[in-house]
């Protein structure tokens, strides 16, 4: 159900997974903030995409807390909601908020970018939020009016990336920062492999998929607002003994969408039509979060299509008995913020958040129709409550329950060794 990570609680997984599987680069500068320890910060910038934001081409704001020994403290901050700020063919106003750690001496502030697009960046500003006061912290050449970029450092920058000031486009002043990433040679990764990737037209949309390996087919179904790339840590173990079929759900990854209201039943119909088009009569399925919801409906409504099913962090419905209260409060706050920023209701990020809030509606008793042996998994500290996961296991005949001790909703990412062994053992048993 929940397929992305927030900056407040380590619940969701989207952009950090994208970072891990893609070639990305950063430009940054260190800013002394020791006197503001414990306070919140706000980083703002204007960004213009020459083409458009995609799953593999993007730029986002980035901040790291750094201590006196130049060590990064905890996780860096990135715009995991970057798609909500993006506006095509105009300057997009980006914001990134976070907290200055009690051990922080410097913040490294800047931006990360990936893919083969070109970007203009202007008016980068840093603020410390002190109660109702908004204190601006001076940056060196944050408006890029000085052609000398010596204050800006780079991280993992490719030799083919060109960075310079430009007067071609600017939000204010006379120039902006121009990043030309068009000549970077990206390495094929799961979800971004031009030689392998194909599209299947089903139910009025184009679904992107990649197929690897040989053996019993295993279909990978990812979480909300994510893509097949989320399974990067499962790729090698599975391709050693199975034919892996990775699929981007409609409106996510590289798959298209239409105006049809999003439901998990619709996505299950997509998968069923997709399997028919590929001539696959029966497959094993590994579903994570939203992918687990889709897998359950597929196994219930099209039982002859599913051989075995392994699902992680799945829900039958969203209420206080199934999902932690904090998760739903956060989701509703995010939707409210999107509305306040004027984001249209047909925006895919908005639609996917509403899908999390309003869906699914699976009758627990209907799970008795599922014929396939099933492995029902969740983390001990999952956003999906353990009682709900146990309910799913109790209602599905011939199922096995597995709760990862110490784990959370991100078990496939955080404890891949334990997770992969459980899945492979189940599929081969």
Protein backbone atom coordinates (compact mmCIF):
# COMPACT_ATOMS: atom_id res chain seq x y z
CA UNK A 1 0.00 0.00 0.00
CA UNK A 2 2.53 2.56 1.10
CA UNK A 3 5.34 2.85 -1.40
CA UNK A 4 7.34 5.98 -0.58
CA UNK A 5 9.30 7.52 2.30
CA UNK A 6 8.59 10.76 4.18
CA UNK A 7 11.20 12.92 5.83
CA UNK A 8 9.42 12.78 9.20
CA UNK A 9 9.17 9.06 9.80
CA UNK A 10 10.97 6.34 7.92
CA UNK A 11 7.82 4.87 6.45
CA UNK A 12 7.77 5.43 2.74
CA UNK A 13 10.11 4.60 -0.09
CA UNK A 14 10.29 6.38 -3.39
CA UNK A 15 12.98 8.87 -4.21
CA UNK A 16 15.75 7.37 -2.06
CA UNK A 17 15.24 4.08 -3.86
CA UNK A 18 15.40 5.96 -7.14
CA UNK A 19 18.69 7.52 -6.00
CA UNK A 20 20.12 4.15 -5.09
CA UNK A 21 19.35 2.58 -8.46
CA UNK A 22 20.16 5.56 -10.69
CA UNK A 23 23.28 7.53 -11.56
CA UNK A 24 22.78 10.84 -9.82
CA UNK A 25 25.04 13.79 -9.12
CA UNK A 26 25.01 16.66 -6.65
CA UNK A 27 26.22 20.24 -6.44
CA UNK A 28 26.42 21.66 -2.94
CA UNK A 29 28.07 24.13 -0.59
CA UNK A 30 28.60 23.88 3.19
CA UNK A 31 26.87 26.46 5.37
CA UNK A 32 27.74 27.02 9.03
CA UNK A 33 24.59 26.63 11.13
CA UNK A 34 25.95 25.55 14.53
CA UNK A 35 24.11 28.37 16.30
CA UNK A 36 20.79 27.08 14.98
CA UNK A 37 21.00 23.51 16.27
CA UNK A 38 17.61 21.92 16.88
CA UNK A 39 15.73 24.39 14.69
CA UNK A 40 14.00 23.70 11.39
CA UNK A 41 15.33 24.84 8.03
CA UNK A 42 13.67 25.70 4.71
CA UNK A 43 15.50 25.53 1.39
CA UNK A 44 13.89 27.13 -1.65
CA UNK A 45 14.80 27.34 -5.35
CA UNK A 46 13.36 27.88 -8.80
CA UNK A 47 13.91 25.04 -11.31
CA UNK A 48 13.16 24.88 -15.05
CA UNK A 49 13.18 21.58 -16.96
CA UNK A 50 14.15 21.86 -20.63
CA UNK A 51 12.07 18.76 -21.33
CA UNK A 52 10.04 17.16 -18.55
CA UNK A 53 10.41 15.27 -15.27
CA UNK A 54 10.44 11.49 -15.63
CA UNK A 55 11.19 8.54 -13.39
CA UNK A 56 14.81 8.58 -14.62
CA UNK A 57 15.36 12.31 -15.34
CA UNK A 58 14.89 14.77 -12.50
CA UNK A 59 16.47 17.38 -10.27
CA UNK A 60 15.64 17.94 -6.59
CA UNK A 61 16.85 19.95 -3.62
CA UNK A 62 19.28 18.23 -1.25
CA UNK A 63 20.43 18.91 2.33
CA UNK A 64 22.74 17.02 4.67
CA UNK A 65 23.48 17.52 8.37
CA UNK A 66 27.27 17.34 8.87
CA UNK A 67 29.10 17.20 12.21
CA UNK A 68 32.43 18.73 13.29
CA UNK A 69 34.29 15.68 11.91
CA UNK A 70 32.73 16.17 8.46
CA UNK A 71 30.55 13.08 8.87
CA UNK A 72 27.00 13.03 7.56
CA UNK A 73 24.41 12.71 10.34
CA UNK A 74 21.53 10.30 9.65
CA UNK A 75 19.75 10.34 6.28
CA UNK A 76 20.09 13.27 3.86
CA UNK A 77 17.00 15.26 2.95
CA UNK A 78 15.63 15.23 -0.60
CA UNK A 79 12.38 16.29 -2.25
CA UNK A 80 10.58 12.94 -2.08
CA UNK A 81 7.53 14.92 -3.28
CA UNK A 82 9.39 16.55 -6.18
CA UNK A 83 6.69 15.69 -8.70
CA UNK A 84 4.24 17.85 -6.78
CA UNK A 85 6.36 20.97 -7.37
CA UNK A 86 7.14 20.29 -11.02
CA UNK A 87 5.47 22.49 -13.64
CA UNK A 88 6.10 21.91 -17.32
CA UNK A 89 7.49 24.77 -19.43
CA UNK A 90 7.72 27.22 -16.55
CA UNK A 91 9.73 27.93 -13.44
CA UNK A 92 8.82 25.50 -10.67
CA UNK A 93 9.09 26.67 -7.07
CA UNK A 94 10.70 23.92 -4.98
CA UNK A 95 10.81 23.72 -1.19
CA UNK A 96 12.59 21.34 1.17
CA UNK A 97 12.07 21.38 4.94
CA UNK A 98 13.89 19.52 7.68
CA UNK A 99 15.54 19.81 11.07
CA UNK A 100 19.07 20.86 11.98
CA UNK A 101 20.45 18.06 14.15
CA UNK A 102 21.76 18.78 17.65
CA UNK A 103 25.23 17.62 16.53
CA UNK A 104 25.29 19.59 13.28
CA UNK A 105 28.06 22.04 12.51
CA UNK A 106 27.32 22.53 8.81
CA UNK A 107 24.45 21.96 6.43
CA UNK A 108 25.49 21.03 2.93
CA UNK A 109 22.79 22.52 0.72
CA UNK A 110 22.29 22.16 -2.99
CA UNK A 111 20.58 19.88 -5.47
CA UNK A 112 20.79 16.42 -6.97
CA UNK A 113 20.07 15.58 -10.59
CA UNK A 114 19.96 12.52 -12.84
CA UNK A 115 19.03 11.38 -16.33
CA UNK A 116 19.68 13.04 -19.66
CA UNK A 117 17.80 16.32 -19.39
CA UNK A 118 18.98 19.93 -19.05
CA UNK A 119 18.02 22.10 -16.09
CA UNK A 120 18.09 25.77 -15.12
CA UNK A 121 18.27 26.62 -11.40
CA UNK A 122 17.89 30.06 -9.85
CA UNK A 123 17.33 31.88 -6.56
CA UNK A 124 18.49 29.21 -4.11
CA UNK A 125 17.70 30.48 -0.60
CA UNK A 126 18.13 28.98 2.88
CA UNK A 127 16.07 29.95 5.91
CA UNK A 128 16.04 28.94 9.57
CA UNK A 129 12.56 28.81 11.06
CA UNK A 130 12.57 30.22 14.58
CA UNK A 131 8.99 30.24 15.85
CA UNK A 132 7.17 32.67 13.58
CA UNK A 133 10.44 34.21 12.42
CA UNK A 134 12.02 33.24 9.10
CA UNK A 135 15.75 33.98 9.23
CA UNK A 136 17.56 33.99 5.88
CA UNK A 137 21.04 32.43 5.98
CA UNK A 138 23.28 34.02 3.32
CA UNK A 139 24.54 31.67 0.60
CA UNK A 140 27.55 32.29 -1.60
CA UNK A 141 26.37 32.90 -5.15
CA UNK A 142 22.98 31.36 -4.47
CA UNK A 143 21.48 33.58 -7.18
CA UNK A 144 24.22 32.53 -9.66
CA UNK A 145 24.85 36.11 -10.76
CA UNK A 146 28.58 35.48 -10.41
CA UNK A 147 29.99 33.34 -13.22
CA UNK A 148 32.63 31.96 -10.88
CA UNK A 149 31.15 28.79 -9.35
CA UNK A 150 34.09 28.01 -7.05
CA UNK A 151 31.81 28.03 -4.00
CA UNK A 152 29.89 25.05 -5.38
CA UNK A 153 31.33 21.57 -4.87
CA UNK A 154 30.33 18.47 -6.78
CA UNK A 155 29.58 14.91 -5.70
CA UNK A 156 29.83 12.00 -8.17
CA UNK A 157 29.80 14.44 -11.08
CA UNK A 158 30.25 12.74 -14.46
CA UNK A 159 32.84 14.21 -16.85
CA UNK A 160 30.07 14.59 -19.42
CA UNK A 161 28.00 16.87 -17.16
CA UNK A 162 28.37 20.55 -18.05
CA UNK A 163 27.69 23.13 -15.34
CA UNK A 164 27.85 26.87 -16.00
CA UNK A 165 25.93 30.11 -15.54
CA UNK A 166 23.59 31.08 -18.36
CA UNK A 167 21.65 34.16 -19.47
CA UNK A 168 19.39 32.06 -21.71
CA UNK A 169 16.83 31.63 -18.92
CA UNK A 170 16.63 33.22 -15.48
CA UNK A 171 13.98 33.76 -12.83
CA UNK A 172 15.49 36.96 -11.48
CA UNK A 173 18.64 38.98 -12.06
CA UNK A 174 20.43 38.38 -15.34
CA UNK A 175 21.38 34.72 -15.26
CA UNK A 176 20.87 31.30 -13.66
CA UNK A 177 22.75 28.03 -13.23
CA UNK A 178 22.58 25.74 -16.26
CA UNK A 179 23.14 21.98 -15.97
CA UNK A 180 23.56 20.05 -19.22
CA UNK A 181 23.17 16.37 -18.45
CA UNK A 182 22.26 15.34 -22.00
CA UNK A 183 25.57 13.64 -22.86
CA UNK A 184 25.82 11.45 -19.78
CA UNK A 185 25.90 7.77 -20.65
CA UNK A 186 23.58 6.09 -18.20
CA UNK A 187 24.08 2.47 -17.24
CA UNK A 188 21.11 0.12 -17.74
CA UNK A 189 19.30 -0.52 -14.47
CA UNK A 190 16.12 -2.30 -13.51
CA UNK A 191 13.37 0.01 -14.74
CA UNK A 192 15.66 1.93 -17.08
CA UNK A 193 16.97 -0.56 -19.62
CA UNK A 194 16.30 0.56 -23.19
CA UNK A 195 17.52 -2.72 -24.68
CA UNK A 196 15.22 -4.86 -22.55
CA UNK A 197 12.22 -2.64 -21.85
CA UNK A 198 8.96 -2.97 -23.79
CA UNK A 199 5.39 -1.70 -23.61
CA UNK A 200 2.12 -3.62 -23.55
CA UNK A 201 -1.10 -1.80 -24.43
CA UNK A 202 -3.84 -2.91 -22.05
CA UNK A 203 -7.11 -1.31 -20.96
CA UNK A 204 -6.30 1.95 -22.75
CA UNK A 205 -2.84 2.51 -21.23
CA UNK A 206 0.74 1.49 -22.00
CA UNK A 207 2.37 -0.64 -19.31
CA UNK A 208 6.17 -0.70 -19.25
CA UNK A 209 7.88 -4.01 -18.45
CA UNK A 210 11.26 -5.75 -18.48
CA UNK A 211 11.93 -9.50 -18.55
CA UNK A 212 15.14 -11.18 -17.36
CA UNK A 213 16.39 -14.73 -16.76
CA UNK A 214 14.87 -18.15 -17.27
CA UNK A 215 12.77 -20.53 -15.25
CA UNK A 216 9.44 -20.23 -13.48
CA UNK A 217 8.04 -16.73 -14.17
CA UNK A 218 7.93 -14.37 -11.19
CA UNK A 219 6.00 -11.13 -11.58
CA UNK A 220 7.16 -8.12 -9.53
CA UNK A 221 4.50 -5.61 -8.43
CA UNK A 222 5.83 -2.46 -6.74
CA UNK A 223 4.40 0.01 -4.21
CA UNK A 224 2.57 3.32 -4.48
CA UNK A 225 4.15 6.12 -6.53
CA UNK A 226 7.17 3.95 -7.22
CA UNK A 227 8.39 1.68 -10.02
CA UNK A 228 9.93 -1.73 -10.67
CA UNK A 229 13.28 -0.23 -9.66
CA UNK A 230 12.21 -0.58 -6.02
CA UNK A 231 13.06 -4.28 -6.36
CA UNK A 232 16.71 -3.62 -7.20
CA UNK A 233 17.84 -5.60 -4.12
CA UNK A 234 15.74 -8.59 -5.17
CA UNK A 235 16.91 -8.59 -8.80
CA UNK A 236 20.08 -10.69 -8.58
CA UNK A 237 18.76 -13.43 -6.25
CA UNK A 238 15.60 -13.88 -8.31
CA UNK A 239 17.18 -13.84 -11.78
CA UNK A 240 19.50 -16.69 -10.75
CA UNK A 241 16.65 -19.17 -10.67
CA UNK A 242 13.56 -17.54 -12.17
CA UNK A 243 12.31 -15.63 -15.15
CA UNK A 244 11.73 -12.19 -13.64
CA UNK A 245 8.96 -10.07 -15.13
CA UNK A 246 9.08 -6.54 -13.71
CA UNK A 247 6.09 -4.29 -14.36
CA UNK A 248 5.39 -0.59 -13.76
CA UNK A 249 1.79 -0.11 -12.63
CA UNK A 250 -0.37 2.37 -14.54
CA UNK A 251 0.60 6.00 -14.06
CA UNK A 252 3.87 5.08 -12.34
CA UNK A 253 7.41 4.49 -13.52
CA UNK A 254 7.32 4.56 -17.30
CA UNK A 255 3.73 3.38 -17.64
CA UNK A 256 1.04 5.75 -18.85
CA UNK A 257 -2.38 6.44 -17.39
CA UNK A 258 -5.73 7.88 -18.41
CA UNK A 259 -8.62 9.58 -16.65
CA UNK A 260 -10.15 6.32 -15.38
CA UNK A 261 -10.47 6.52 -11.56
CA UNK A 262 -7.66 4.60 -9.89
CA UNK A 263 -8.58 1.48 -7.95
CA UNK A 264 -6.66 -1.65 -7.09
CA UNK A 265 -9.30 -3.68 -8.93
CA UNK A 266 -8.46 -1.72 -12.08
CA UNK A 267 -4.76 -2.39 -11.62
CA UNK A 268 -5.46 -6.10 -11.10
CA UNK A 269 -7.40 -6.09 -14.38
CA UNK A 270 -4.38 -4.45 -16.00
CA UNK A 271 -2.13 -7.24 -14.73
CA UNK A 272 -4.53 -9.94 -15.88
CA UNK A 273 -4.72 -8.44 -19.40
CA UNK A 274 -0.92 -8.00 -19.38
CA UNK A 275 -0.38 -11.69 -18.57
CA UNK A 276 -2.83 -12.66 -21.33
CA UNK A 277 -0.97 -10.51 -23.83
CA UNK A 278 2.34 -12.16 -22.92
CA UNK A 279 0.72 -15.60 -23.13
CA UNK A 280 1.50 -16.39 -19.50
CA UNK A 281 -1.09 -18.76 -18.07
CA UNK A 282 0.26 -18.84 -14.52
CA UNK A 283 2.96 -16.94 -12.59
CA UNK A 284 4.44 -16.57 -9.13
CA UNK A 285 3.95 -13.04 -7.77
CA UNK A 286 6.03 -10.91 -5.43
CA UNK A 287 4.01 -7.87 -4.38
CA UNK A 288 5.22 -5.12 -2.07
CA UNK A 289 2.82 -2.64 -0.47
CA UNK A 290 0.39 -1.52 -3.22
CA UNK A 291 1.76 -4.42 -5.26
CA UNK A 292 0.57 -6.76 -2.53
CA UNK A 293 -2.92 -5.27 -2.69
CA UNK A 294 -2.99 -5.83 -6.45
CA UNK A 295 -1.67 -9.38 -6.05
CA UNK A 296 -4.39 -10.28 -3.54
CA UNK A 297 -7.15 -9.06 -5.85
CA UNK A 298 -5.58 -10.82 -8.83
CA UNK A 299 -5.31 -14.11 -6.90
CA UNK A 300 -8.90 -13.76 -5.72
CA UNK A 301 -10.54 -12.70 -9.00
CA UNK A 302 -8.29 -14.62 -11.41
CA UNK A 303 -7.15 -17.58 -9.28
CA UNK A 304 -5.94 -19.65 -12.23
CA UNK A 305 -3.33 -16.97 -13.05
CA UNK A 306 -1.41 -17.20 -9.76
CA UNK A 307 0.82 -20.14 -8.89
CA UNK A 308 2.32 -18.81 -5.64
CA UNK A 309 2.01 -15.40 -4.04
CA UNK A 310 4.45 -13.64 -1.70
CA UNK A 311 3.20 -10.27 -0.43
CA UNK A 312 4.80 -7.68 1.83
CA UNK A 313 3.03 -4.90 3.79
CA UNK A 314 -0.43 -5.50 2.31
CA UNK A 315 -3.79 -4.09 3.42
CA UNK A 316 -7.40 -5.04 2.73
CA UNK A 317 -8.76 -1.62 3.69
CA UNK A 318 -7.45 1.57 5.24
CA UNK A 319 -8.66 2.48 8.71
CA UNK A 320 -7.25 2.69 12.24
CA UNK A 321 -7.43 -1.10 12.61
CA UNK A 322 -5.18 -1.74 9.61
CA UNK A 323 -2.77 1.20 9.35
CA UNK A 324 -1.04 3.32 12.01
CA UNK A 325 -2.84 6.55 12.84
CA UNK A 326 0.33 8.58 12.23
CA UNK A 327 0.51 7.35 8.65
CA UNK A 328 -2.99 8.49 7.76
CA UNK A 329 -2.55 11.83 9.52
CA UNK A 330 0.59 12.41 7.49
CA UNK A 331 -1.09 11.43 4.23
CA UNK A 332 -3.96 13.83 4.84
CA UNK A 333 -1.51 16.62 5.69
CA UNK A 334 0.31 15.99 2.41
CA UNK A 335 -2.95 16.10 0.43
CA UNK A 336 -3.95 19.33 2.19
CA UNK A 337 -0.57 20.89 1.34
CA UNK A 338 -0.98 19.85 -2.30
CA UNK A 339 -4.40 21.52 -2.45
CA UNK A 340 -2.98 24.67 -0.89
CA UNK A 341 -0.30 24.76 -3.60
CA UNK A 342 -3.01 24.55 -6.23
CA UNK A 343 -2.12 21.07 -7.47
CA UNK A 344 -4.86 19.76 -9.75
CA UNK A 345 -6.87 16.71 -8.73
CA UNK A 346 -5.89 15.00 -11.98
CA UNK A 347 -2.21 15.25 -11.01
CA UNK A 348 -0.89 11.69 -10.73
CA UNK A 349 0.87 12.29 -7.39
CA UNK A 350 -2.40 13.62 -5.98
CA UNK A 351 -4.39 10.70 -7.41
CA UNK A 352 -1.97 8.17 -5.95
CA UNK A 353 -2.13 9.73 -2.48
CA UNK A 354 -5.93 9.67 -2.64
CA UNK A 355 -5.71 6.01 -3.65
CA UNK A 356 -3.79 5.34 -0.43
CA UNK A 357 -6.39 7.16 1.65
CA UNK A 358 -9.57 5.80 0.04
CA UNK A 359 -8.63 2.29 -1.11
CA UNK A 360 -8.70 -0.68 -1.09
CA UNK A 361 -12.08 -2.23 -0.18
CA UNK A 362 -11.32 -5.94 0.08
CA UNK A 363 -13.72 -8.11 2.07
CA UNK A 364 -11.58 -10.36 4.31
CA UNK A 365 -14.00 -13.26 3.75
CA UNK A 366 -13.48 -13.01 -0.02
CA UNK A 367 -9.88 -14.18 0.45
CA UNK A 368 -11.21 -17.72 0.82
CA UNK A 369 -11.39 -17.77 -3.00
CA UNK A 370 -7.60 -17.63 -3.27
CA UNK A 371 -6.20 -21.01 -4.32
CA UNK A 372 -2.47 -20.26 -4.45
CA UNK A 373 -0.04 -21.00 -1.62
CA UNK A 374 0.75 -17.61 -0.10
CA UNK A 375 3.48 -16.05 2.01
CA UNK A 376 2.12 -13.08 3.99
CA UNK A 377 4.91 -10.79 5.20
CA UNK A 378 5.26 -7.56 7.18
CA UNK A 379 7.76 -5.87 9.45
CA UNK A 380 7.48 -5.91 13.23
CA UNK A 381 7.34 -2.10 13.04
CA UNK A 382 5.39 -1.89 9.80
CA UNK A 383 2.88 0.89 9.09
CA UNK A 384 0.48 -2.00 8.49
CA UNK A 385 -0.59 -3.24 11.91
CA UNK A 386 0.44 -6.78 12.80
CA UNK A 387 -3.11 -7.74 13.71
CA UNK A 388 -4.21 -6.84 10.19
CA UNK A 389 -1.40 -8.85 8.58
CA UNK A 390 -2.40 -11.83 10.72
CA UNK A 391 -6.01 -11.38 9.56
CA UNK A 392 -4.90 -11.67 5.94
CA UNK A 393 -2.93 -14.83 6.71
CA UNK A 394 -5.88 -16.32 8.59
CA UNK A 395 -8.31 -15.69 5.76
CA UNK A 396 -6.17 -17.02 2.90
CA UNK A 397 -6.20 -20.83 2.78
CA UNK A 398 -2.78 -22.49 2.58
CA UNK A 399 -0.92 -19.37 3.69
CA UNK A 400 2.13 -18.79 5.85
CA UNK A 401 2.71 -15.74 8.08
CA UNK A 402 6.15 -14.14 8.42
CA UNK A 403 6.80 -11.06 10.58
CA UNK A 404 10.35 -9.72 10.24
CA UNK A 405 11.64 -9.07 13.75
CA UNK A 406 12.92 -5.50 14.02
CA UNK A 407 11.85 -4.83 10.44
CA UNK A 408 9.45 -2.26 9.05
CA UNK A 409 7.58 -1.57 5.81
CA UNK A 410 10.89 -1.29 3.94
CA UNK A 411 12.14 -4.84 4.62
CA UNK A 412 12.96 -5.54 0.92
CA UNK A 413 15.21 -2.47 0.98
CA UNK A 414 16.61 -2.53 4.52
CA UNK A 415 17.07 -6.27 5.18
CA UNK A 416 17.34 -7.68 1.65
CA UNK A 417 19.33 -10.75 2.65
CA UNK A 418 16.71 -11.99 5.12
CA UNK A 419 13.82 -10.93 2.90
CA UNK A 420 15.22 -12.50 -0.28
CA UNK A 421 15.96 -15.82 1.42
CA UNK A 422 12.39 -16.02 2.70
CA UNK A 423 10.95 -15.30 -0.75
CA UNK A 424 13.26 -17.61 -2.71
CA UNK A 425 12.77 -20.44 -0.20
CA UNK A 426 9.01 -20.02 -0.49
CA UNK A 427 8.97 -20.01 -4.29
CA UNK A 428 11.25 -23.05 -4.51
CA UNK A 429 9.56 -25.11 -1.77
